[in-house]
């Protein structure tokens, strides 16, 4: 039963990923010894982050519902819909 619900939640998460381009880019500047600045683009795929959060929280011992709620909250923050 848990696997079916997880599959349904994952399906919803990936359907959101297909409908919107929610890959966020964050520019990070690093300074080296030569005072040369390197710009690195960090991409975040919110759907993958949701699934990783969910699995990590459930492995920590949270219930399915609690892990899903926290992971979905983080997903909304990532996409900017919260």
C-alpha atoms as a PDB file:
ATOM      1  CA  UNK A   1       0.000   0.000   0.000  1.00  0.00           C
ATOM      2  CA  UNK A   2       2.822   2.422   0.867  1.00  0.00           C
ATOM      3  CA  UNK A   3       4.547   1.704  -2.439  1.00  0.00           C
ATOM      4  CA  UNK A   4       1.342   2.458  -4.341  1.00  0.00           C
ATOM      5  CA  UNK A   5       0.877   5.770  -2.527  1.00  0.00           C
ATOM      6  CA  UNK A   6       4.546   6.641  -3.014  1.00  0.00           C
ATOM      7  CA  UNK A   7       4.182   5.866  -6.718  1.00  0.00           C
ATOM      8  CA  UNK A   8       1.143   8.122  -6.919  1.00  0.00           C
ATOM      9  CA  UNK A   9       2.981  10.940  -5.139  1.00  0.00           C
ATOM     10  CA  UNK A  10       6.006  10.475  -7.391  1.00  0.00           C
ATOM     11  CA  UNK A  11       3.743  10.529 -10.461  1.00  0.00           C
ATOM     12  CA  UNK A  12       2.212  13.814  -9.318  1.00  0.00           C
ATOM     13  CA  UNK A  13       5.651  15.278  -8.628  1.00  0.00           C
ATOM     14  CA  UNK A  14       6.953  14.287 -12.053  1.00  0.00           C
ATOM     15  CA  UNK A  15       3.805  15.551 -13.779  1.00  0.00           C
ATOM     16  CA  UNK A  16       4.432  18.949 -12.194  1.00  0.00           C
ATOM     17  CA  UNK A  17       7.993  18.718 -13.444  1.00  0.00           C
ATOM     18  CA  UNK A  18       6.764  18.075 -16.963  1.00  0.00           C
ATOM     19  CA  UNK A  19       4.302  20.961 -16.955  1.00  0.00           C
ATOM     20  CA  UNK A  20       6.643  23.629 -15.667  1.00  0.00           C
ATOM     21  CA  UNK A  21      10.280  24.305 -16.217  1.00  0.00           C
ATOM     22  CA  UNK A  22      11.222  24.538 -12.573  1.00  0.00           C
ATOM     23  CA  UNK A  23      14.923  23.956 -12.910  1.00  0.00           C
ATOM     24  CA  UNK A  24      16.381  26.851 -11.000  1.00  0.00           C
ATOM     25  CA  UNK A  25      19.835  28.171 -11.602  1.00  0.00           C
ATOM     26  CA  UNK A  26      21.819  29.779  -8.852  1.00  0.00           C
ATOM     27  CA  UNK A  27      25.051  31.563  -9.622  1.00  0.00           C
ATOM     28  CA  UNK A  28      27.831  31.001  -7.139  1.00  0.00           C
ATOM     29  CA  UNK A  29      31.014  33.020  -7.211  1.00  0.00           C
ATOM     30  CA  UNK A  30      34.224  31.587  -5.853  1.00  0.00           C
ATOM     31  CA  UNK A  31      37.490  33.408  -5.386  1.00  0.00           C
ATOM     32  CA  UNK A  32      40.761  31.674  -5.993  1.00  0.00           C
ATOM     33  CA  UNK A  33      44.251  32.565  -4.791  1.00  0.00           C
ATOM     34  CA  UNK A  34      44.896  34.608  -7.937  1.00  0.00           C
ATOM     35  CA  UNK A  35      41.828  36.735  -7.137  1.00  0.00           C
ATOM     36  CA  UNK A  36      40.209  35.373 -10.243  1.00  0.00           C
ATOM     37  CA  UNK A  37      36.449  35.015  -9.890  1.00  0.00           C
ATOM     38  CA  UNK A  38      34.846  31.874 -11.244  1.00  0.00           C
ATOM     39  CA  UNK A  39      31.117  31.759 -11.811  1.00  0.00           C
ATOM     40  CA  UNK A  40      29.482  28.387 -11.367  1.00  0.00           C
ATOM     41  CA  UNK A  41      25.864  27.700 -12.238  1.00  0.00           C
ATOM     42  CA  UNK A  42      24.100  25.336  -9.847  1.00  0.00           C
ATOM     43  CA  UNK A  43      20.936  23.761 -11.215  1.00  0.00           C
ATOM     44  CA  UNK A  44      18.248  22.372  -8.941  1.00  0.00           C
ATOM     45  CA  UNK A  45      15.585  20.033 -10.246  1.00  0.00           C
ATOM     46  CA  UNK A  46      12.756  20.435  -7.772  1.00  0.00           C
ATOM     47  CA  UNK A  47      11.088  17.085  -8.554  1.00  0.00           C
ATOM     48  CA  UNK A  48      14.290  15.171  -7.878  1.00  0.00           C
ATOM     49  CA  UNK A  49      14.844  17.199  -4.711  1.00  0.00           C
ATOM     50  CA  UNK A  50      11.306  16.278  -3.576  1.00  0.00           C
ATOM     51  CA  UNK A  51      11.917  12.566  -4.032  1.00  0.00           C
ATOM     52  CA  UNK A  52      15.296  12.723  -2.298  1.00  0.00           C
ATOM     53  CA  UNK A  53      13.791  14.657   0.632  1.00  0.00           C
ATOM     54  CA  UNK A  54      10.912  12.209   0.916  1.00  0.00           C
ATOM     55  CA  UNK A  55      13.134   9.133   0.944  1.00  0.00           C
ATOM     56  CA  UNK A  56      15.620  10.695   3.388  1.00  0.00           C
ATOM     57  CA  UNK A  57      12.870  11.745   5.814  1.00  0.00           C
ATOM     58  CA  UNK A  58      11.150   8.369   5.660  1.00  0.00           C
ATOM     59  CA  UNK A  59      14.490   6.624   6.291  1.00  0.00           C
ATOM     60  CA  UNK A  60      14.945   8.850   9.356  1.00  0.00           C
ATOM     61  CA  UNK A  61      11.775   7.320  10.792  1.00  0.00           C
ATOM     62  CA  UNK A  62       9.068   9.856   9.922  1.00  0.00           C
ATOM     63  CA  UNK A  63       5.681   8.531   8.926  1.00  0.00           C
ATOM     64  CA  UNK A  64       4.734   8.429   5.254  1.00  0.00           C
ATOM     65  CA  UNK A  65       2.349  11.357   5.683  1.00  0.00           C
ATOM     66  CA  UNK A  66       4.811  13.524   7.621  1.00  0.00           C
ATOM     67  CA  UNK A  67       7.659  12.841   5.185  1.00  0.00           C
ATOM     68  CA  UNK A  68       5.381  13.636   2.249  1.00  0.00           C
ATOM     69  CA  UNK A  69       4.150  16.873   3.810  1.00  0.00           C
ATOM     70  CA  UNK A  70       7.646  18.158   4.585  1.00  0.00           C
ATOM     71  CA  UNK A  71       9.019  17.104   1.198  1.00  0.00           C
ATOM     72  CA  UNK A  72       6.084  18.787  -0.580  1.00  0.00           C
ATOM     73  CA  UNK A  73       6.616  21.972   1.429  1.00  0.00           C
ATOM     74  CA  UNK A  74      10.268  21.985   0.344  1.00  0.00           C
ATOM     75  CA  UNK A  75       9.164  21.311  -3.261  1.00  0.00           C
ATOM     76  CA  UNK A  76       6.863  24.338  -3.151  1.00  0.00           C
ATOM     77  CA  UNK A  77       9.686  26.509  -1.800  1.00  0.00           C
ATOM     78  CA  UNK A  78      11.938  25.276  -4.589  1.00  0.00           C
ATOM     79  CA  UNK A  79       9.412  26.082  -7.330  1.00  0.00           C
ATOM     80  CA  UNK A  80       8.386  29.365  -5.725  1.00  0.00           C
ATOM     81  CA  UNK A  81       4.715  28.414  -5.374  1.00  0.00           C
ATOM     82  CA  UNK A  82       4.699  28.667  -1.588  1.00  0.00           C
END
